[in-house]
Amino acid sequence: MSPSIIKSYIPAHNQQLFESLPDSAFIRQNQLLMMQLVPFSASTLWRMVNRGEFPLPVKISGQITAWRVGDIRLWLNDPSRYRRVGEAA
C-alpha cells in the first residue's frame, strides 16, 4: 500500500493527535487499532511483525507491550517497502 492510501484510512483528528506525539513516545496495540493508524486487524498486525513487515514492539513490563511512535511513522511513510533493519527485503 502506498503512503497516501494508508494515511487516507486515518481519520483527520487521529492523524493530528498522532503527529503531535514525539518519536520517543510509545503507543499500544489497542491505540493503533482504535485510532485506525493501521488498516488491519490485530491478527494481521502480529503476522506482519513476525514477517518483519511491521516494527517490533517493545516489552515495557510483564504485561505491557508498545511500539515507538517513530517506528510507526517510518512504517507509515512506505509500508510496502518497510523492512526491519537487518532483515532482507
C-alpha atoms as a PDB file:
ATOM      1  CA  MET A   1       0.000   0.000   0.000  1.00  0.00           C
ATOM      2  CA  SER A   2       1.224   3.458  -0.791  1.00  0.00           C
ATOM      3  CA  PRO A   3       1.638   6.064   1.973  1.00  0.00           C
ATOM      4  CA  SER A   4      -1.283   8.099   0.650  1.00  0.00           C
ATOM      5  CA  ILE A   5      -3.575   5.057   0.759  1.00  0.00           C
ATOM      6  CA  ILE A   6      -2.525   4.187   4.308  1.00  0.00           C
ATOM      7  CA  LYS A   7      -2.866   7.758   5.541  1.00  0.00           C
ATOM      8  CA  SER A   8      -6.302   8.061   3.926  1.00  0.00           C
ATOM      9  CA  TYR A   9      -7.545   5.418   6.391  1.00  0.00           C
ATOM     10  CA  ILE A  10      -6.569   7.560   9.373  1.00  0.00           C
ATOM     11  CA  PRO A  11      -9.301   9.986  10.480  1.00  0.00           C
ATOM     12  CA  ALA A  12      -8.021  13.591  10.479  1.00  0.00           C
ATOM     13  CA  HIS A  13      -8.407  14.086  14.232  1.00  0.00           C
ATOM     14  CA  ASN A  14      -6.473  10.868  14.945  1.00  0.00           C
ATOM     15  CA  GLN A  15      -3.769  11.826  12.468  1.00  0.00           C
ATOM     16  CA  GLN A  16      -3.347  15.210  14.192  1.00  0.00           C
ATOM     17  CA  LEU A  17      -3.125  13.557  17.600  1.00  0.00           C
ATOM     18  CA  PHE A  18      -0.575  11.022  16.342  1.00  0.00           C
ATOM     19  CA  GLU A  19       1.512  13.729  14.667  1.00  0.00           C
ATOM     20  CA  SER A  20       1.633  15.681  17.937  1.00  0.00           C
ATOM     21  CA  LEU A  21       3.407  12.797  19.709  1.00  0.00           C
ATOM     22  CA  PRO A  22       7.215  12.762  19.895  1.00  0.00           C
ATOM     23  CA  ASP A  23       9.056   9.935  18.104  1.00  0.00           C
ATOM     24  CA  SER A  24      10.174   8.651  21.506  1.00  0.00           C
ATOM     25  CA  ALA A  25       6.583   8.156  22.733  1.00  0.00           C
ATOM     26  CA  PHE A  26       5.027   4.703  22.937  1.00  0.00           C
ATOM     27  CA  ILE A  27       1.687   3.565  21.543  1.00  0.00           C
ATOM     28  CA  ARG A  28      -0.077   0.335  22.454  1.00  0.00           C
ATOM     29  CA  GLN A  29      -1.827  -2.111  20.150  1.00  0.00           C
ATOM     30  CA  ASN A  30      -5.342  -1.050  21.135  1.00  0.00           C
ATOM     31  CA  GLN A  31      -4.430   2.584  20.369  1.00  0.00           C
ATOM     32  CA  LEU A  32      -3.031   1.636  16.946  1.00  0.00           C
ATOM     33  CA  LEU A  33      -6.269  -0.171  16.134  1.00  0.00           C
ATOM     34  CA  MET A  34      -8.797   2.177  17.755  1.00  0.00           C
ATOM     35  CA  MET A  35      -7.186   5.282  16.249  1.00  0.00           C
ATOM     36  CA  GLN A  36      -7.203   3.475  12.893  1.00  0.00           C
ATOM     37  CA  LEU A  37      -3.482   4.087  12.418  1.00  0.00           C
ATOM     38  CA  VAL A  38      -3.267   0.681  10.754  1.00  0.00           C
ATOM     39  CA  PRO A  39      -5.944  -0.559   8.328  1.00  0.00           C
ATOM     40  CA  PHE A  40      -5.964  -4.157   9.508  1.00  0.00           C
ATOM     41  CA  SER A  41      -6.782  -6.421  12.457  1.00  0.00           C
ATOM     42  CA  ALA A  42      -4.657  -7.351  15.462  1.00  0.00           C
ATOM     43  CA  SER A  43      -4.014 -10.780  13.905  1.00  0.00           C
ATOM     44  CA  THR A  44      -2.674  -9.226  10.723  1.00  0.00           C
ATOM     45  CA  LEU A  45      -0.588  -6.784  12.760  1.00  0.00           C
ATOM     46  CA  TRP A  46       1.171  -9.666  14.539  1.00  0.00           C
ATOM     47  CA  ARG A  47       1.625 -11.638  11.303  1.00  0.00           C
ATOM     48  CA  MET A  48       3.328  -8.590   9.809  1.00  0.00           C
ATOM     49  CA  VAL A  49       5.513  -8.176  12.915  1.00  0.00           C
ATOM     50  CA  ASN A  50       6.560 -11.828  12.636  1.00  0.00           C
ATOM     51  CA  ARG A  51       7.401 -11.444   8.922  1.00  0.00           C
ATOM     52  CA  GLY A  52       9.463  -8.291   9.548  1.00  0.00           C
ATOM     53  CA  GLU A  53       6.942  -6.117   7.679  1.00  0.00           C
ATOM     54  CA  PHE A  54       5.961  -4.057  10.725  1.00  0.00           C
ATOM     55  CA  PRO A  55       8.117  -2.664  13.544  1.00  0.00           C
ATOM     56  CA  LEU A  56       8.870  -4.816  16.566  1.00  0.00           C
ATOM     57  CA  PRO A  57       7.130  -3.706  19.742  1.00  0.00           C
ATOM     58  CA  VAL A  58       8.970  -3.010  22.981  1.00  0.00           C
ATOM     59  CA  LYS A  59       8.176  -5.018  26.105  1.00  0.00           C
ATOM     60  CA  ILE A  60       7.717  -2.273  28.715  1.00  0.00           C
ATOM     61  CA  SER A  61       6.722  -4.612  31.554  1.00  0.00           C
ATOM     62  CA  GLY A  62       5.428  -8.145  32.009  1.00  0.00           C
ATOM     63  CA  GLN A  63       2.021  -7.274  30.608  1.00  0.00           C
ATOM     64  CA  ILE A  64       2.648  -4.105  28.593  1.00  0.00           C
ATOM     65  CA  THR A  65       3.884  -4.122  25.014  1.00  0.00           C
ATOM     66  CA  ALA A  66       4.002  -0.971  22.886  1.00  0.00           C
ATOM     67  CA  TRP A  67       5.531   0.456  19.736  1.00  0.00           C
ATOM     68  CA  ARG A  68       7.743   3.516  19.430  1.00  0.00           C
ATOM     69  CA  VAL A  69       5.853   6.250  17.595  1.00  0.00           C
ATOM     70  CA  GLY A  70       8.951   6.962  15.482  1.00  0.00           C
ATOM     71  CA  ASP A  71       8.993   3.335  14.264  1.00  0.00           C
ATOM     72  CA  ILE A  72       5.301   3.532  13.327  1.00  0.00           C
ATOM     73  CA  ARG A  73       5.984   6.756  11.412  1.00  0.00           C
ATOM     74  CA  LEU A  74       8.747   5.032   9.434  1.00  0.00           C
ATOM     75  CA  TRP A  75       6.318   2.274   8.525  1.00  0.00           C
ATOM     76  CA  LEU A  76       3.561   4.749   7.576  1.00  0.00           C
ATOM     77  CA  ASN A  77       5.951   6.573   5.229  1.00  0.00           C
ATOM     78  CA  ASP A  78       6.273   3.484   2.996  1.00  0.00           C
ATOM     79  CA  PRO A  79       4.506   0.351   4.277  1.00  0.00           C
ATOM     80  CA  SER A  80       5.119  -1.794   1.194  1.00  0.00           C
ATOM     81  CA  ARG A  81       8.897  -1.280   1.355  1.00  0.00           C
ATOM     82  CA  TYR A  82       9.277  -1.379   5.131  1.00  0.00           C
ATOM     83  CA  ARG A  83      11.684  -3.994   6.441  1.00  0.00           C
ATOM     84  CA  ARG A  84      13.192  -4.017   9.886  1.00  0.00           C
ATOM     85  CA  VAL A  85      16.898  -3.222   9.982  1.00  0.00           C
ATOM     86  CA  GLY A  86      18.938  -6.325   9.361  1.00  0.00           C
ATOM     87  CA  GLU A  87      16.180  -8.171   7.505  1.00  0.00           C
ATOM     88  CA  ALA A  88      16.246  -8.886   3.781  1.00  0.00           C
ATOM     89  CA  ALA A  89      13.650  -7.263   1.530  1.00  0.00           C
END
